[in-house]
N, C-alpha and C. Protein backbone atom coordinates (compact mmCIF):
# COMPACT_ATOMS: atom_id res chain seq x y z
N UNK A 1 22.50 22.14 61.50
CA UNK A 1 22.34 20.98 62.32
C UNK A 1 20.95 20.38 62.19
N UNK A 2 19.98 21.16 61.87
CA UNK A 2 18.63 20.65 61.70
C UNK A 2 18.53 19.74 60.47
N UNK A 3 19.35 20.03 59.48
CA UNK A 3 19.37 19.17 58.29
C UNK A 3 19.90 17.78 58.65
N UNK A 4 20.91 17.74 59.51
CA UNK A 4 21.51 16.48 59.91
C UNK A 4 20.51 15.63 60.70
N UNK A 5 19.74 16.25 61.57
CA UNK A 5 18.76 15.52 62.37
C UNK A 5 17.60 15.02 61.50
N UNK A 6 17.17 15.81 60.50
CA UNK A 6 16.09 15.34 59.62
C UNK A 6 16.55 14.17 58.75
N UNK A 7 17.81 14.19 58.33
CA UNK A 7 18.35 13.07 57.57
C UNK A 7 18.40 11.81 58.42
N UNK A 8 18.79 11.95 59.68
CA UNK A 8 18.84 10.80 60.59
C UNK A 8 17.44 10.25 60.83
N UNK A 9 16.47 11.14 61.01
CA UNK A 9 15.10 10.70 61.23
C UNK A 9 14.56 9.96 59.99
N UNK A 10 14.87 10.49 58.82
CA UNK A 10 14.40 9.87 57.60
C UNK A 10 15.05 8.49 57.41
N UNK A 11 16.34 8.38 57.71
CA UNK A 11 17.02 7.10 57.60
C UNK A 11 16.43 6.09 58.58
N UNK A 12 16.13 6.53 59.81
CA UNK A 12 15.54 5.64 60.80
C UNK A 12 14.14 5.19 60.36
N UNK A 13 13.38 6.10 59.78
CA UNK A 13 12.05 5.76 59.29
C UNK A 13 12.14 4.74 58.15
N UNK A 14 13.11 4.94 57.26
CA UNK A 14 13.28 4.00 56.15
C UNK A 14 13.68 2.62 56.65
N UNK A 15 14.57 2.56 57.63
CA UNK A 15 14.99 1.25 58.17
C UNK A 15 13.81 0.56 58.84
N UNK A 16 13.04 1.29 59.63
CA UNK A 16 11.91 0.68 60.32
C UNK A 16 10.86 0.19 59.32
N UNK A 17 10.60 1.00 58.27
CA UNK A 17 9.63 0.62 57.25
C UNK A 17 10.09 -0.64 56.52
N UNK A 18 11.39 -0.69 56.20
CA UNK A 18 11.92 -1.86 55.52
C UNK A 18 11.80 -3.11 56.39
N UNK A 19 12.10 -2.98 57.66
CA UNK A 19 12.03 -4.13 58.57
C UNK A 19 10.59 -4.62 58.70
N UNK A 20 9.62 -3.70 58.82
CA UNK A 20 8.22 -4.10 58.91
C UNK A 20 7.75 -4.77 57.62
N UNK A 21 8.19 -4.26 56.48
CA UNK A 21 7.82 -4.86 55.21
C UNK A 21 8.38 -6.27 55.08
N UNK A 22 9.67 -6.42 55.37
CA UNK A 22 10.29 -7.76 55.29
C UNK A 22 9.59 -8.74 56.22
N UNK A 23 9.25 -8.28 57.41
CA UNK A 23 8.58 -9.15 58.37
C UNK A 23 7.19 -9.56 57.86
N UNK A 24 6.47 -8.61 57.25
CA UNK A 24 5.13 -8.95 56.74
C UNK A 24 5.22 -9.90 55.55
N UNK A 25 6.26 -9.77 54.72
CA UNK A 25 6.43 -10.67 53.59
C UNK A 25 6.73 -12.08 54.08
N UNK A 26 7.55 -12.19 55.11
CA UNK A 26 7.92 -13.51 55.64
C UNK A 26 6.71 -14.20 56.29
N UNK A 27 5.75 -13.46 56.78
CA UNK A 27 4.61 -14.05 57.47
C UNK A 27 3.49 -14.49 56.52
N UNK A 28 3.59 -14.16 55.26
CA UNK A 28 2.54 -14.55 54.31
C UNK A 28 2.68 -16.04 54.02
N UNK A 29 1.53 -16.75 54.06
CA UNK A 29 1.57 -18.19 53.78
C UNK A 29 1.72 -18.42 52.27
N UNK A 30 1.98 -19.64 51.88
CA UNK A 30 2.27 -19.98 50.50
C UNK A 30 1.05 -19.78 49.58
N UNK A 31 -0.14 -20.05 50.06
CA UNK A 31 -1.34 -19.89 49.25
C UNK A 31 -1.54 -18.42 48.87
N UNK A 32 -1.31 -17.53 49.84
CA UNK A 32 -1.46 -16.10 49.56
C UNK A 32 -0.37 -15.63 48.59
N UNK A 33 0.85 -16.15 48.76
CA UNK A 33 1.94 -15.79 47.85
C UNK A 33 1.62 -16.25 46.43
N UNK A 34 1.05 -17.43 46.31
CA UNK A 34 0.69 -17.95 45.00
C UNK A 34 -0.38 -17.08 44.34
N UNK A 35 -1.40 -16.70 45.10
CA UNK A 35 -2.45 -15.83 44.56
C UNK A 35 -1.88 -14.48 44.15
N UNK A 36 -0.98 -13.92 44.97
CA UNK A 36 -0.36 -12.64 44.63
C UNK A 36 0.48 -12.75 43.35
N UNK A 37 1.21 -13.86 43.21
CA UNK A 37 2.03 -14.06 42.01
C UNK A 37 1.13 -14.20 40.78
N UNK A 38 0.06 -14.95 40.91
CA UNK A 38 -0.86 -15.10 39.78
C UNK A 38 -1.51 -13.77 39.41
N UNK A 39 -1.86 -12.99 40.42
CA UNK A 39 -2.46 -11.69 40.16
C UNK A 39 -1.47 -10.76 39.46
N UNK A 40 -0.20 -10.83 39.89
CA UNK A 40 0.83 -10.00 39.25
C UNK A 40 0.99 -10.38 37.78
N UNK A 41 1.06 -11.68 37.48
CA UNK A 41 1.21 -12.11 36.09
C UNK A 41 -0.02 -11.75 35.25
N UNK A 42 -1.19 -11.86 35.85
CA UNK A 42 -2.40 -11.49 35.13
C UNK A 42 -2.41 -9.99 34.82
N UNK A 43 -1.97 -9.17 35.76
CA UNK A 43 -1.91 -7.72 35.54
C UNK A 43 -0.90 -7.38 34.45
N UNK A 44 0.25 -8.05 34.47
CA UNK A 44 1.26 -7.81 33.44
C UNK A 44 0.76 -8.23 32.06
N UNK A 45 0.06 -9.34 31.99
CA UNK A 45 -0.49 -9.80 30.71
C UNK A 45 -1.56 -8.82 30.20
N UNK A 46 -2.37 -8.28 31.09
CA UNK A 46 -3.40 -7.32 30.68
C UNK A 46 -2.77 -6.04 30.15
N UNK A 47 -1.72 -5.60 30.81
CA UNK A 47 -1.04 -4.39 30.35
C UNK A 47 -0.39 -4.63 28.99
N UNK A 48 0.23 -5.79 28.82
CA UNK A 48 0.87 -6.12 27.54
C UNK A 48 -0.17 -6.23 26.44
N UNK A 49 -1.30 -6.86 26.73
CA UNK A 49 -2.36 -7.00 25.74
C UNK A 49 -2.97 -5.66 25.38
N UNK A 50 -3.14 -4.78 26.36
CA UNK A 50 -3.72 -3.48 26.06
C UNK A 50 -2.76 -2.64 25.24
N UNK A 51 -1.47 -2.82 25.41
CA UNK A 51 -0.50 -2.10 24.58
C UNK A 51 -0.61 -2.54 23.13
N UNK A 52 -0.73 -3.85 22.91
CA UNK A 52 -0.89 -4.35 21.54
C UNK A 52 -2.19 -3.85 20.95
N UNK A 53 -3.25 -3.86 21.74
CA UNK A 53 -4.55 -3.42 21.28
C UNK A 53 -4.53 -1.91 20.98
N UNK A 54 -3.85 -1.14 21.80
CA UNK A 54 -3.75 0.30 21.58
C UNK A 54 -2.99 0.58 20.29
N UNK A 55 -1.95 -0.20 19.98
CA UNK A 55 -1.20 -0.01 18.74
C UNK A 55 -2.10 -0.29 17.54
N UNK A 56 -2.92 -1.35 17.66
CA UNK A 56 -3.82 -1.70 16.58
C UNK A 56 -4.84 -0.58 16.34
N UNK A 57 -5.35 0.01 17.41
CA UNK A 57 -6.31 1.10 17.27
C UNK A 57 -5.67 2.33 16.65
N UNK A 58 -4.45 2.63 17.05
CA UNK A 58 -3.77 3.78 16.44
C UNK A 58 -3.55 3.55 14.96
N UNK A 59 -3.17 2.34 14.58
CA UNK A 59 -2.96 2.02 13.17
C UNK A 59 -4.29 2.06 12.42
N UNK A 60 -5.36 1.60 13.05
CA UNK A 60 -6.67 1.59 12.41
C UNK A 60 -7.18 3.01 12.15
N UNK A 61 -6.77 3.96 12.96
CA UNK A 61 -7.19 5.34 12.75
C UNK A 61 -6.51 5.95 11.52
N UNK A 62 -5.32 5.51 11.19
CA UNK A 62 -4.58 6.07 10.06
C UNK A 62 -4.91 5.41 8.74
N UNK A 63 -5.51 4.24 8.74
CA UNK A 63 -5.80 3.53 7.48
C UNK A 63 -6.74 4.30 6.57
N UNK A 64 -7.84 4.88 7.04
CA UNK A 64 -8.69 5.65 6.12
C UNK A 64 -7.96 6.85 5.53
N UNK A 65 -7.15 7.51 6.33
CA UNK A 65 -6.40 8.65 5.81
C UNK A 65 -5.42 8.21 4.73
N UNK A 66 -4.80 7.06 4.92
CA UNK A 66 -3.87 6.55 3.91
C UNK A 66 -4.62 6.19 2.64
N UNK A 67 -5.81 5.63 2.75
CA UNK A 67 -6.61 5.29 1.57
C UNK A 67 -7.03 6.53 0.79
N UNK A 68 -7.46 7.58 1.50
CA UNK A 68 -7.85 8.82 0.84
C UNK A 68 -6.66 9.44 0.13
N UNK A 69 -5.50 9.41 0.79
CA UNK A 69 -4.29 9.97 0.18
C UNK A 69 -3.91 9.20 -1.07
N UNK A 70 -3.97 7.89 -1.03
CA UNK A 70 -3.64 7.08 -2.20
C UNK A 70 -4.61 7.36 -3.35
N UNK A 71 -5.89 7.51 -3.04
CA UNK A 71 -6.88 7.81 -4.08
C UNK A 71 -6.62 9.19 -4.69
N UNK A 72 -6.25 10.16 -3.86
CA UNK A 72 -5.96 11.50 -4.36
C UNK A 72 -4.73 11.49 -5.27
N UNK A 73 -3.70 10.76 -4.89
CA UNK A 73 -2.49 10.67 -5.71
C UNK A 73 -2.82 10.00 -7.04
N UNK A 74 -3.60 8.95 -7.01
CA UNK A 74 -3.99 8.27 -8.25
C UNK A 74 -4.81 9.20 -9.14
N UNK A 75 -5.72 9.94 -8.56
CA UNK A 75 -6.53 10.88 -9.34
C UNK A 75 -5.70 11.96 -9.99
N UNK A 76 -4.75 12.52 -9.24
CA UNK A 76 -3.87 13.55 -9.81
C UNK A 76 -3.01 12.96 -10.92
N UNK A 77 -2.50 11.75 -10.71
CA UNK A 77 -1.67 11.11 -11.74
C UNK A 77 -2.47 10.86 -13.00
N UNK A 78 -3.71 10.44 -12.88
CA UNK A 78 -4.55 10.21 -14.05
C UNK A 78 -4.94 11.52 -14.72
N UNK A 79 -5.19 12.55 -13.92
CA UNK A 79 -5.62 13.83 -14.47
C UNK A 79 -4.50 14.50 -15.25
N UNK A 80 -3.31 14.57 -14.65
CA UNK A 80 -2.20 15.26 -15.28
C UNK A 80 -1.33 14.36 -16.14
N UNK A 81 -1.46 13.07 -16.02
CA UNK A 81 -0.62 12.15 -16.78
C UNK A 81 -1.10 11.92 -18.19
N UNK A 82 -2.37 12.24 -18.50
CA UNK A 82 -2.91 12.02 -19.83
C UNK A 82 -2.89 13.34 -20.59
N UNK A 83 -2.20 13.42 -21.72
CA UNK A 83 -2.22 14.66 -22.51
C UNK A 83 -3.63 14.94 -23.03
N UNK A 84 -3.95 16.21 -23.21
CA UNK A 84 -5.31 16.58 -23.60
C UNK A 84 -5.66 16.10 -25.00
N UNK A 85 -4.69 16.02 -25.89
CA UNK A 85 -4.97 15.63 -27.26
C UNK A 85 -5.10 14.14 -27.47
N UNK A 86 -4.77 13.32 -26.50
CA UNK A 86 -4.76 11.88 -26.69
C UNK A 86 -5.77 11.16 -25.81
N UNK A 87 -6.98 11.70 -25.74
CA UNK A 87 -7.99 11.05 -24.91
C UNK A 87 -8.61 9.85 -25.60
N UNK A 88 -8.55 9.80 -26.95
CA UNK A 88 -9.13 8.68 -27.67
C UNK A 88 -8.23 7.46 -27.59
N UNK A 89 -8.81 6.30 -27.80
CA UNK A 89 -8.04 5.06 -27.75
C UNK A 89 -7.25 4.89 -29.04
N UNK A 90 -7.84 5.29 -30.17
CA UNK A 90 -7.21 5.08 -31.47
C UNK A 90 -6.74 6.41 -32.03
N UNK A 91 -5.55 6.43 -32.57
CA UNK A 91 -5.09 7.62 -33.27
C UNK A 91 -5.46 7.49 -34.74
N UNK A 92 -5.13 8.50 -35.56
CA UNK A 92 -5.50 8.48 -36.99
C UNK A 92 -4.77 7.36 -37.72
N UNK A 93 -3.50 7.12 -37.37
CA UNK A 93 -2.73 6.08 -38.06
C UNK A 93 -3.32 4.69 -37.80
N UNK A 94 -3.66 4.42 -36.55
CA UNK A 94 -4.21 3.10 -36.26
C UNK A 94 -5.59 2.93 -36.85
N UNK A 95 -6.34 4.04 -36.95
CA UNK A 95 -7.66 3.94 -37.56
C UNK A 95 -7.54 3.61 -39.05
N UNK A 96 -6.57 4.23 -39.73
CA UNK A 96 -6.35 3.92 -41.14
C UNK A 96 -5.91 2.48 -41.30
N UNK A 97 -5.03 2.02 -40.42
CA UNK A 97 -4.58 0.64 -40.49
C UNK A 97 -5.74 -0.33 -40.27
N UNK A 98 -6.66 0.03 -39.39
CA UNK A 98 -7.81 -0.83 -39.15
C UNK A 98 -8.74 -0.86 -40.37
N UNK A 99 -8.87 0.28 -41.06
CA UNK A 99 -9.68 0.29 -42.27
C UNK A 99 -9.07 -0.61 -43.33
N UNK A 100 -7.73 -0.55 -43.47
CA UNK A 100 -7.05 -1.44 -44.42
C UNK A 100 -7.26 -2.90 -44.04
N UNK A 101 -7.19 -3.16 -42.75
CA UNK A 101 -7.39 -4.52 -42.29
C UNK A 101 -8.81 -4.99 -42.57
N UNK A 102 -9.78 -4.09 -42.42
CA UNK A 102 -11.16 -4.44 -42.74
C UNK A 102 -11.31 -4.77 -44.22
N UNK A 103 -10.63 -4.02 -45.08
CA UNK A 103 -10.72 -4.28 -46.52
C UNK A 103 -10.14 -5.66 -46.83
N UNK A 104 -8.98 -5.95 -46.25
CA UNK A 104 -8.33 -7.23 -46.51
C UNK A 104 -9.13 -8.38 -45.91
N UNK A 105 -9.67 -8.16 -44.71
CA UNK A 105 -10.36 -9.23 -44.01
C UNK A 105 -11.73 -9.50 -44.60
N UNK A 106 -12.36 -8.47 -45.17
CA UNK A 106 -13.69 -8.70 -45.70
C UNK A 106 -13.58 -9.39 -47.05
N UNK A 107 -14.36 -10.38 -47.20
CA UNK A 107 -14.36 -11.09 -48.48
C UNK A 107 -15.79 -11.41 -48.84
N UNK A 108 -16.17 -10.90 -49.96
CA UNK A 108 -17.50 -11.25 -50.47
C UNK A 108 -17.39 -12.58 -51.18
N UNK A 109 -18.40 -13.32 -51.11
CA UNK A 109 -18.36 -14.63 -51.76
C UNK A 109 -18.27 -14.48 -53.27
N UNK A 110 -18.75 -13.37 -53.81
CA UNK A 110 -18.71 -13.18 -55.26
C UNK A 110 -17.34 -12.74 -55.73
N UNK A 111 -16.57 -12.03 -54.85
CA UNK A 111 -15.27 -11.53 -55.29
C UNK A 111 -14.15 -12.51 -55.03
N UNK A 112 -14.37 -13.57 -54.33
CA UNK A 112 -13.33 -14.54 -54.04
C UNK A 112 -12.55 -14.16 -52.79
N UNK A 113 -11.43 -14.76 -52.62
CA UNK A 113 -10.62 -14.54 -51.43
C UNK A 113 -9.88 -13.21 -51.54
N UNK A 114 -9.82 -12.44 -50.45
CA UNK A 114 -9.16 -11.14 -50.45
C UNK A 114 -7.67 -11.27 -50.66
N UNK A 115 -7.07 -12.33 -50.19
CA UNK A 115 -5.64 -12.52 -50.38
C UNK A 115 -5.32 -12.80 -51.85
N UNK A 116 -6.21 -13.47 -52.53
CA UNK A 116 -6.03 -13.69 -53.96
C UNK A 116 -6.07 -12.37 -54.71
N UNK A 117 -6.94 -11.46 -54.25
CA UNK A 117 -7.03 -10.14 -54.88
C UNK A 117 -5.72 -9.38 -54.70
N UNK A 118 -5.12 -9.48 -53.50
CA UNK A 118 -3.86 -8.80 -53.26
C UNK A 118 -2.74 -9.40 -54.12
N UNK A 119 -2.74 -10.69 -54.30
CA UNK A 119 -1.69 -11.33 -55.08
C UNK A 119 -1.82 -11.01 -56.56
N UNK A 120 -3.03 -10.77 -57.02
CA UNK A 120 -3.22 -10.42 -58.43
C UNK A 120 -2.60 -9.06 -58.75
N UNK A 121 -2.70 -8.14 -57.80
CA UNK A 121 -2.20 -6.78 -58.04
C UNK A 121 -0.90 -6.53 -57.28
N UNK A 122 -0.01 -7.51 -57.16
CA UNK A 122 1.20 -7.38 -56.36
C UNK A 122 2.14 -6.33 -56.92
N UNK A 123 2.16 -6.17 -58.26
CA UNK A 123 3.02 -5.15 -58.85
C UNK A 123 2.55 -3.75 -58.48
N UNK A 124 1.23 -3.55 -58.44
CA UNK A 124 0.70 -2.25 -58.06
C UNK A 124 1.06 -1.91 -56.61
N UNK A 125 0.94 -2.89 -55.72
CA UNK A 125 1.24 -2.64 -54.31
C UNK A 125 2.73 -2.39 -54.09
N UNK A 126 3.59 -3.05 -54.85
CA UNK A 126 5.03 -2.79 -54.76
C UNK A 126 5.33 -1.37 -55.22
N UNK A 127 4.68 -0.93 -56.32
CA UNK A 127 4.89 0.43 -56.80
C UNK A 127 4.38 1.46 -55.79
N UNK A 128 3.22 1.20 -55.18
CA UNK A 128 2.64 2.13 -54.21
C UNK A 128 3.52 2.22 -52.97
N UNK A 129 4.08 1.09 -52.56
CA UNK A 129 4.97 1.11 -51.39
C UNK A 129 6.23 1.90 -51.70
N UNK A 130 6.79 1.72 -52.90
CA UNK A 130 8.00 2.45 -53.29
C UNK A 130 7.71 3.94 -53.38
N UNK A 131 6.57 4.30 -53.90
CA UNK A 131 6.20 5.71 -54.05
C UNK A 131 5.95 6.34 -52.66
N UNK A 132 5.41 5.59 -51.75
CA UNK A 132 5.15 6.14 -50.39
C UNK A 132 6.43 6.31 -49.61
N UNK A 133 7.42 5.46 -49.85
CA UNK A 133 8.67 5.55 -49.09
C UNK A 133 9.66 6.52 -49.72
N UNK A 134 9.47 6.89 -51.00
CA UNK A 134 10.38 7.83 -51.66
C UNK A 134 10.13 9.23 -51.13
N UNK A 135 11.22 10.00 -50.96
CA UNK A 135 11.10 11.36 -50.47
C UNK A 135 10.77 12.27 -51.63
N UNK A 136 9.95 13.30 -51.40
CA UNK A 136 9.62 14.22 -52.49
C UNK A 136 10.85 15.06 -52.87
N UNK A 137 10.94 15.41 -54.12
CA UNK A 137 12.08 16.21 -54.59
C UNK A 137 11.92 17.64 -54.09
N UNK A 138 13.05 18.24 -53.69
CA UNK A 138 12.99 19.59 -53.16
C UNK A 138 13.14 20.64 -54.22
């Protein structure tokens, strides 16, 4: 029975509190209501702005870590992605081709045009090409 009386007392207290609150709200003049409404909107805007600002700060804390991680991944890719034997820019084949190109491109004024020299010995170059492409006999 004591539980029933405490529930009744609590209900009576709630009703009286609600009635006093409603009465106090009705007695507030319009100027005070306007100030309260403006204050409420200002508080809501401040909370919303601080949430956006807090998100920006959390993101700003992770940016350096993301940059370090990206640099580490790039370093590992460069370190392990390059075979040890191919650190030079030119291989032996391209170096030989460049030497041939230098011979063809260089022309002394006394020897004439390098292309004319190649055309004079065209039979020799055809034979050398055929000999280089032929497979050796087994």
